[in-house]
Amino acid sequence: MNPSTDPNQILKLWFFRFVKTGLFLSIVLAFYLVYLDAWVQERMAGPKWQTPVKVFARPLNLYPHYFLPKKNSLKN
């Protein structure tokens, strides 16, 4: 058979094209993710995200077999 009309050669050709394209796209995606990570790290760094958070609730300790009335649970 002629190699240009051999079905196995055509399948191999398309398979390797898909593998090469997939490898290229995964490398491009990896570089984009590294860039995106650096961009997010730069945006999140700074005094805006370093300040402590104020908590406006009192702590609620929950223990096993501890009865908590419904009225108190709604208050907390």
PDB file of N, CA and C in Angstrom:
ATOM      1  N   MET A   1       0.833  -1.200   0.000  1.00  0.00           N
ATOM      2  CA  MET A   1       0.000   0.000   0.000  1.00  0.00           C
ATOM      3  C   MET A   1       0.870   1.254   0.000  1.00  0.00           C
ATOM      4  N   ASN A   2       0.306   2.246  -0.533  1.00  0.00           N
ATOM      5  CA  ASN A   2       0.982   3.532  -0.573  1.00  0.00           C
ATOM      6  C   ASN A   2       0.926   4.166   0.835  1.00  0.00           C
ATOM      7  N   PRO A   3       2.049   4.693   1.373  1.00  0.00           N
ATOM      8  CA  PRO A   3       2.025   5.274   2.730  1.00  0.00           C
ATOM      9  C   PRO A   3       1.062   6.451   2.868  1.00  0.00           C
ATOM     10  N   SER A   4       0.787   7.138   1.796  1.00  0.00           N
ATOM     11  CA  SER A   4      -0.123   8.284   1.904  1.00  0.00           C
ATOM     12  C   SER A   4      -1.577   7.843   2.042  1.00  0.00           C
ATOM     13  N   THR A   5      -1.887   6.609   1.639  1.00  0.00           N
ATOM     14  CA  THR A   5      -3.260   6.130   1.750  1.00  0.00           C
ATOM     15  C   THR A   5      -3.420   5.073   2.836  1.00  0.00           C
ATOM     16  N   ASP A   6      -2.341   4.721   3.526  1.00  0.00           N
ATOM     17  CA  ASP A   6      -2.416   3.715   4.586  1.00  0.00           C
ATOM     18  C   ASP A   6      -3.183   4.298   5.780  1.00  0.00           C
ATOM     19  N   PRO A   7      -4.281   3.662   6.212  1.00  0.00           N
ATOM     20  CA  PRO A   7      -5.073   4.209   7.314  1.00  0.00           C
ATOM     21  C   PRO A   7      -4.293   4.303   8.632  1.00  0.00           C
ATOM     22  N   ASN A   8      -3.391   3.360   8.861  1.00  0.00           N
ATOM     23  CA  ASN A   8      -2.610   3.418  10.099  1.00  0.00           C
ATOM     24  C   ASN A   8      -1.670   4.622  10.115  1.00  0.00           C
ATOM     25  N   GLN A   9      -1.096   4.929   8.969  1.00  0.00           N
ATOM     26  CA  GLN A   9      -0.197   6.089   8.896  1.00  0.00           C
ATOM     27  C   GLN A   9      -0.975   7.383   9.123  1.00  0.00           C
ATOM     28  N   ILE A  10      -2.172   7.438   8.589  1.00  0.00           N
ATOM     29  CA  ILE A  10      -3.000   8.637   8.776  1.00  0.00           C
ATOM     30  C   ILE A  10      -3.371   8.789  10.249  1.00  0.00           C
ATOM     31  N   LEU A  11      -3.742   7.672  10.899  1.00  0.00           N
ATOM     32  CA  LEU A  11      -4.074   7.726  12.324  1.00  0.00           C
ATOM     33  C   LEU A  11      -2.867   8.129  13.154  1.00  0.00           C
ATOM     34  N   LYS A  12      -1.709   7.584  12.835  1.00  0.00           N
ATOM     35  CA  LYS A  12      -0.480   7.949  13.567  1.00  0.00           C
ATOM     36  C   LYS A  12      -0.166   9.428  13.378  1.00  0.00           C
ATOM     37  N   LEU A  13      -0.320   9.895  12.142  1.00  0.00           N
ATOM     38  CA  LEU A  13      -0.053  11.306  11.858  1.00  0.00           C
ATOM     39  C   LEU A  13      -0.960  12.202  12.694  1.00  0.00           C
ATOM     40  N   TRP A  14      -2.263  11.924  12.713  1.00  0.00           N
ATOM     41  CA  TRP A  14      -3.192  12.748  13.486  1.00  0.00           C
ATOM     42  C   TRP A  14      -2.965  12.599  14.981  1.00  0.00           C
ATOM     43  N   PHE A  15      -2.628  11.388  15.428  1.00  0.00           N
ATOM     44  CA  PHE A  15      -2.343  11.179  16.843  1.00  0.00           C
ATOM     45  C   PHE A  15      -1.161  12.047  17.283  1.00  0.00           C
ATOM     46  N   PHE A  16      -0.077  12.025  16.507  1.00  0.00           N
ATOM     47  CA  PHE A  16       1.085  12.827  16.882  1.00  0.00           C
ATOM     48  C   PHE A  16       0.804  14.319  16.779  1.00  0.00           C
ATOM     49  N   ARG A  17      -0.043  14.713  15.855  1.00  0.00           N
ATOM     50  CA  ARG A  17      -0.428  16.133  15.782  1.00  0.00           C
ATOM     51  C   ARG A  17      -1.190  16.545  17.037  1.00  0.00           C
ATOM     52  N   PHE A  18      -2.114  15.687  17.492  1.00  0.00           N
ATOM     53  CA  PHE A  18      -2.865  15.997  18.717  1.00  0.00           C
ATOM     54  C   PHE A  18      -1.951  16.000  19.930  1.00  0.00           C
ATOM     55  N   VAL A  19      -1.000  15.079  19.985  1.00  0.00           N
ATOM     56  CA  VAL A  19      -0.065  15.036  21.120  1.00  0.00           C
ATOM     57  C   VAL A  19       0.793  16.302  21.146  1.00  0.00           C
ATOM     58  N   LYS A  20       1.318  16.681  19.995  1.00  0.00           N
ATOM     59  CA  LYS A  20       2.141  17.893  19.927  1.00  0.00           C
ATOM     60  C   LYS A  20       1.337  19.136  20.287  1.00  0.00           C
ATOM     61  N   THR A  21       0.112  19.217  19.768  1.00  0.00           N
ATOM     62  CA  THR A  21      -0.745  20.370  20.082  1.00  0.00           C
ATOM     63  C   THR A  21      -1.099  20.398  21.565  1.00  0.00           C
ATOM     64  N   GLY A  22      -1.419  19.239  22.121  1.00  0.00           N
ATOM     65  CA  GLY A  22      -1.740  19.169  23.543  1.00  0.00           C
ATOM     66  C   GLY A  22      -0.551  19.533  24.417  1.00  0.00           C
ATOM     67  N   LEU A  23       0.636  19.083  24.046  1.00  0.00           N
ATOM     68  CA  LEU A  23       1.843  19.426  24.793  1.00  0.00           C
ATOM     69  C   LEU A  23       2.107  20.923  24.720  1.00  0.00           C
ATOM     70  N   PHE A  24       1.962  21.494  23.528  1.00  0.00           N
ATOM     71  CA  PHE A  24       2.166  22.929  23.372  1.00  0.00           C
ATOM     72  C   PHE A  24       1.172  23.721  24.218  1.00  0.00           C
ATOM     73  N   LEU A  25      -0.105  23.328  24.168  1.00  0.00           N
ATOM     74  CA  LEU A  25      -1.119  24.054  24.936  1.00  0.00           C
ATOM     75  C   LEU A  25      -0.907  23.893  26.436  1.00  0.00           C
ATOM     76  N   SER A  26      -0.460  22.735  26.882  1.00  0.00           N
ATOM     77  CA  SER A  26      -0.216  22.559  28.321  1.00  0.00           C
ATOM     78  C   SER A  26       0.969  23.397  28.783  1.00  0.00           C
ATOM     79  N   ILE A  27       1.985  23.546  27.943  1.00  0.00           N
ATOM     80  CA  ILE A  27       3.121  24.408  28.303  1.00  0.00           C
ATOM     81  C   ILE A  27       2.687  25.863  28.354  1.00  0.00           C
ATOM     82  N   VAL A  28       1.894  26.287  27.383  1.00  0.00           N
ATOM     83  CA  VAL A  28       1.385  27.665  27.390  1.00  0.00           C
ATOM     84  C   VAL A  28       0.513  27.899  28.621  1.00  0.00           C
ATOM     85  N   LEU A  29      -0.335  26.938  28.959  1.00  0.00           N
ATOM     86  CA  LEU A  29      -1.183  27.063  30.138  1.00  0.00           C
ATOM     87  C   LEU A  29      -0.351  27.122  31.411  1.00  0.00           C
ATOM     88  N   ALA A  30       0.708  26.338  31.484  1.00  0.00           N
ATOM     89  CA  ALA A  30       1.577  26.358  32.666  1.00  0.00           C
ATOM     90  C   ALA A  30       2.222  27.733  32.836  1.00  0.00           C
ATOM     91  N   PHE A  31       2.723  28.313  31.741  1.00  0.00           N
ATOM     92  CA  PHE A  31       3.309  29.654  31.830  1.00  0.00           C
ATOM     93  C   PHE A  31       2.265  30.690  32.230  1.00  0.00           C
ATOM     94  N   TYR A  32       1.061  30.565  31.705  1.00  0.00           N
ATOM     95  CA  TYR A  32      -0.005  31.500  32.062  1.00  0.00           C
ATOM     96  C   TYR A  32      -0.362  31.377  33.544  1.00  0.00           C
ATOM     97  N   LEU A  33      -0.404  30.151  34.058  1.00  0.00           N
ATOM     98  CA  LEU A  33      -0.721  29.968  35.473  1.00  0.00           C
ATOM     99  C   LEU A  33       0.367  30.529  36.375  1.00  0.00           C
ATOM    100  N   VAL A  34       1.622  30.406  35.965  1.00  0.00           N
ATOM    101  CA  VAL A  34       2.715  31.012  36.741  1.00  0.00           C
ATOM    102  C   VAL A  34       2.572  32.532  36.731  1.00  0.00           C
ATOM    103  N   TYR A  35       2.272  33.099  35.568  1.00  0.00           N
ATOM    104  CA  TYR A  35       2.055  34.545  35.470  1.00  0.00           C
ATOM    105  C   TYR A  35       0.871  34.983  36.328  1.00  0.00           C
ATOM    106  N   LEU A  36      -0.224  34.234  36.266  1.00  0.00           N
ATOM    107  CA  LEU A  36      -1.420  34.570  37.032  1.00  0.00           C
ATOM    108  C   LEU A  36      -1.153  34.477  38.533  1.00  0.00           C
ATOM    109  N   ASP A  37      -0.407  33.477  38.958  1.00  0.00           N
ATOM    110  CA  ASP A  37      -0.057  33.338  40.365  1.00  0.00           C
ATOM    111  C   ASP A  37       0.773  34.525  40.829  1.00  0.00           C
ATOM    112  N   ALA A  38       1.747  34.933  40.033  1.00  0.00           N
ATOM    113  CA  ALA A  38       2.572  36.087  40.399  1.00  0.00           C
ATOM    114  C   ALA A  38       1.725  37.356  40.466  1.00  0.00           C
ATOM    115  N   TRP A  39       0.788  37.497  39.552  1.00  0.00           N
ATOM    116  CA  TRP A  39      -0.070  38.683  39.543  1.00  0.00           C
ATOM    117  C   TRP A  39      -0.955  38.717  40.789  1.00  0.00           C
ATOM    118  N   VAL A  40      -1.537  37.573  41.147  1.00  0.00           N
ATOM    119  CA  VAL A  40      -2.397  37.518  42.329  1.00  0.00           C
ATOM    120  C   VAL A  40      -1.577  37.746  43.593  1.00  0.00           C
ATOM    121  N   GLN A  41      -0.398  37.161  43.675  1.00  0.00           N
ATOM    122  CA  GLN A  41       0.460  37.364  44.841  1.00  0.00           C
ATOM    123  C   GLN A  41       0.807  38.840  45.001  1.00  0.00           C
ATOM    124  N   GLU A  42       1.077  39.509  43.894  1.00  0.00           N
ATOM    125  CA  GLU A  42       1.426  40.935  43.954  1.00  0.00           C
ATOM    126  C   GLU A  42       0.222  41.776  44.371  1.00  0.00           C
ATOM    127  N   ARG A  43      -0.965  41.405  43.896  1.00  0.00           N
ATOM    128  CA  ARG A  43      -2.168  42.156  44.247  1.00  0.00           C
ATOM    129  C   ARG A  43      -2.583  41.940  45.700  1.00  0.00           C
ATOM    130  N   MET A  44      -2.344  40.748  46.224  1.00  0.00           N
ATOM    131  CA  MET A  44      -2.763  40.434  47.583  1.00  0.00           C
ATOM    132  C   MET A  44      -1.742  40.856  48.630  1.00  0.00           C
ATOM    133  N   ALA A  45      -0.547  41.153  48.216  1.00  0.00           N
ATOM    134  CA  ALA A  45       0.479  41.588  49.166  1.00  0.00           C
ATOM    135  C   ALA A  45       0.265  43.068  49.472  1.00  0.00           C
ATOM    136  N   GLY A  46       0.472  43.428  50.699  1.00  0.00           N
ATOM    137  CA  GLY A  46       0.348  44.827  51.060  1.00  0.00           C
ATOM    138  C   GLY A  46      -0.363  44.999  52.376  1.00  0.00           C
ATOM    139  N   PRO A  47      -0.441  46.245  52.816  1.00  0.00           N
ATOM    140  CA  PRO A  47      -1.032  46.507  54.138  1.00  0.00           C
ATOM    141  C   PRO A  47      -2.529  46.211  54.208  1.00  0.00           C
ATOM    142  N   LYS A  48      -3.206  46.225  53.088  1.00  0.00           N
ATOM    143  CA  LYS A  48      -4.644  45.977  53.099  1.00  0.00           C
ATOM    144  C   LYS A  48      -4.958  44.587  53.623  1.00  0.00           C
ATOM    145  N   TRP A  49      -4.143  43.611  53.296  1.00  0.00           N
ATOM    146  CA  TRP A  49      -4.399  42.224  53.674  1.00  0.00           C
ATOM    147  C   TRP A  49      -3.589  41.812  54.899  1.00  0.00           C
ATOM    148  N   GLN A  50      -2.743  42.682  55.428  1.00  0.00           N
ATOM    149  CA  GLN A  50      -1.911  42.330  56.567  1.00  0.00           C
ATOM    150  C   GLN A  50      -2.540  42.717  57.901  1.00  0.00           C
ATOM    151  N   THR A  51      -3.549  43.554  57.897  1.00  0.00           N
ATOM    152  CA  THR A  51      -4.148  43.998  59.148  1.00  0.00           C
ATOM    153  C   THR A  51      -4.991  42.895  59.766  1.00  0.00           C
ATOM    154  N   PRO A  52      -5.005  42.828  61.083  1.00  0.00           N
ATOM    155  CA  PRO A  52      -5.831  41.794  61.714  1.00  0.00           C
ATOM    156  C   PRO A  52      -7.323  42.088  61.536  1.00  0.00           C
ATOM    157  N   VAL A  53      -8.079  41.065  61.602  1.00  0.00           N
ATOM    158  CA  VAL A  53      -9.520  41.175  61.404  1.00  0.00           C
ATOM    159  C   VAL A  53     -10.184  41.392  62.757  1.00  0.00           C
ATOM    160  N   LYS A  54     -11.141  42.312  62.807  1.00  0.00           N
ATOM    161  CA  LYS A  54     -11.907  42.513  64.026  1.00  0.00           C
ATOM    162  C   LYS A  54     -13.040  41.498  64.064  1.00  0.00           C
ATOM    163  N   VAL A  55     -13.209  40.892  65.203  1.00  0.00           N
ATOM    164  CA  VAL A  55     -14.280  39.922  65.361  1.00  0.00           C
ATOM    165  C   VAL A  55     -15.315  40.544  66.285  1.00  0.00           C
ATOM    166  N   PHE A  56     -16.550  40.616  65.830  1.00  0.00           N
ATOM    167  CA  PHE A  56     -17.603  41.260  66.584  1.00  0.00           C
ATOM    168  C   PHE A  56     -18.534  40.250  67.242  1.00  0.00           C
ATOM    169  N   ALA A  57     -18.040  39.099  67.555  1.00  0.00           N
ATOM    170  CA  ALA A  57     -18.862  38.088  68.221  1.00  0.00           C
ATOM    171  C   ALA A  57     -18.077  37.506  69.386  1.00  0.00           C
ATOM    172  N   ARG A  58     -18.810  37.106  70.384  1.00  0.00           N
ATOM    173  CA  ARG A  58     -18.119  36.467  71.500  1.00  0.00           C
ATOM    174  C   ARG A  58     -17.947  34.998  71.169  1.00  0.00           C
ATOM    175  N   PRO A  59     -16.919  34.378  71.731  1.00  0.00           N
ATOM    176  CA  PRO A  59     -16.693  32.963  71.399  1.00  0.00           C
ATOM    177  C   PRO A  59     -17.792  32.070  71.966  1.00  0.00           C
ATOM    178  N   LEU A  60     -18.116  31.060  71.231  1.00  0.00           N
ATOM    179  CA  LEU A  60     -19.117  30.097  71.653  1.00  0.00           C
ATOM    180  C   LEU A  60     -18.440  28.737  71.728  1.00  0.00           C
ATOM    181  N   ASN A  61     -18.340  28.204  72.926  1.00  0.00           N
ATOM    182  CA  ASN A  61     -17.703  26.911  73.112  1.00  0.00           C
ATOM    183  C   ASN A  61     -18.765  25.821  73.038  1.00  0.00           C
ATOM    184  N   LEU A  62     -18.536  24.879  72.172  1.00  0.00           N
ATOM    185  CA  LEU A  62     -19.453  23.758  72.014  1.00  0.00           C
ATOM    186  C   LEU A  62     -18.738  22.487  72.459  1.00  0.00           C
ATOM    187  N   TYR A  63     -19.414  21.718  73.287  1.00  0.00           N
ATOM    188  CA  TYR A  63     -18.855  20.476  73.800  1.00  0.00           C
ATOM    189  C   TYR A  63     -19.837  19.347  73.529  1.00  0.00           C
ATOM    190  N   PRO A  64     -19.331  18.127  73.416  1.00  0.00           N
ATOM    191  CA  PRO A  64     -20.246  16.998  73.250  1.00  0.00           C
ATOM    192  C   PRO A  64     -21.114  16.826  74.501  1.00  0.00           C
ATOM    193  N   HIS A  65     -22.343  16.488  74.306  1.00  0.00           N
ATOM    194  CA  HIS A  65     -23.325  16.251  75.380  1.00  0.00           C
ATOM    195  C   HIS A  65     -23.572  17.507  76.224  1.00  0.00           C
ATOM    196  N   TYR A  66     -23.336  18.670  75.650  1.00  0.00           N
ATOM    197  CA  TYR A  66     -23.601  19.923  76.356  1.00  0.00           C
ATOM    198  C   TYR A  66     -24.927  20.469  75.841  1.00  0.00           C
ATOM    199  N   PHE A  67     -25.845  20.737  76.749  1.00  0.00           N
ATOM    200  CA  PHE A  67     -27.166  21.229  76.382  1.00  0.00           C
ATOM    201  C   PHE A  67     -27.095  22.729  76.139  1.00  0.00           C
ATOM    202  N   LEU A  68     -27.569  23.142  74.997  1.00  0.00           N
ATOM    203  CA  LEU A  68     -27.621  24.553  74.650  1.00  0.00           C
ATOM    204  C   LEU A  68     -29.066  24.891  74.330  1.00  0.00           C
ATOM    205  N   PRO A  69     -29.713  25.669  75.173  1.00  0.00           N
ATOM    206  CA  PRO A  69     -31.116  26.019  74.902  1.00  0.00           C
ATOM    207  C   PRO A  69     -31.283  26.754  73.587  1.00  0.00           C
ATOM    208  N   LYS A  70     -32.431  26.589  72.971  1.00  0.00           N
ATOM    209  CA  LYS A  70     -32.692  27.203  71.686  1.00  0.00           C
ATOM    210  C   LYS A  70     -32.624  28.732  71.772  1.00  0.00           C
ATOM    211  N   LYS A  71     -33.098  29.275  72.887  1.00  0.00           N
ATOM    212  CA  LYS A  71     -33.079  30.725  73.060  1.00  0.00           C
ATOM    213  C   LYS A  71     -31.633  31.235  73.063  1.00  0.00           C
ATOM    214  N   ASN A  72     -30.743  30.518  73.714  1.00  0.00           N
ATOM    215  CA  ASN A  72     -29.350  30.941  73.750  1.00  0.00           C
ATOM    216  C   ASN A  72     -28.660  30.729  72.402  1.00  0.00           C
ATOM    217  N   SER A  73     -29.026  29.697  71.697  1.00  0.00           N
ATOM    218  CA  SER A  73     -28.378  29.451  70.407  1.00  0.00           C
ATOM    219  C   SER A  73     -28.752  30.544  69.396  1.00  0.00           C
ATOM    220  N   LEU A  74     -29.976  31.052  69.472  1.00  0.00           N
ATOM    221  CA  LEU A  74     -30.369  32.129  68.578  1.00  0.00           C
ATOM    222  C   LEU A  74     -29.678  33.426  68.940  1.00  0.00           C
ATOM    223  N   LYS A  75     -29.392  33.603  70.217  1.00  0.00           N
ATOM    224  CA  LYS A  75     -28.714  34.811  70.672  1.00  0.00           C
ATOM    225  C   LYS A  75     -27.258  34.817  70.207  1.00  0.00           C
ATOM    226  N   ASN A  76     -26.663  33.642  70.147  1.00  0.00           N
ATOM    227  CA  ASN A  76     -25.256  33.522  69.777  1.00  0.00           C
ATOM    228  C   ASN A  76     -25.142  33.502  68.273  1.00  0.00           C
TER     229      ASN A  76
END
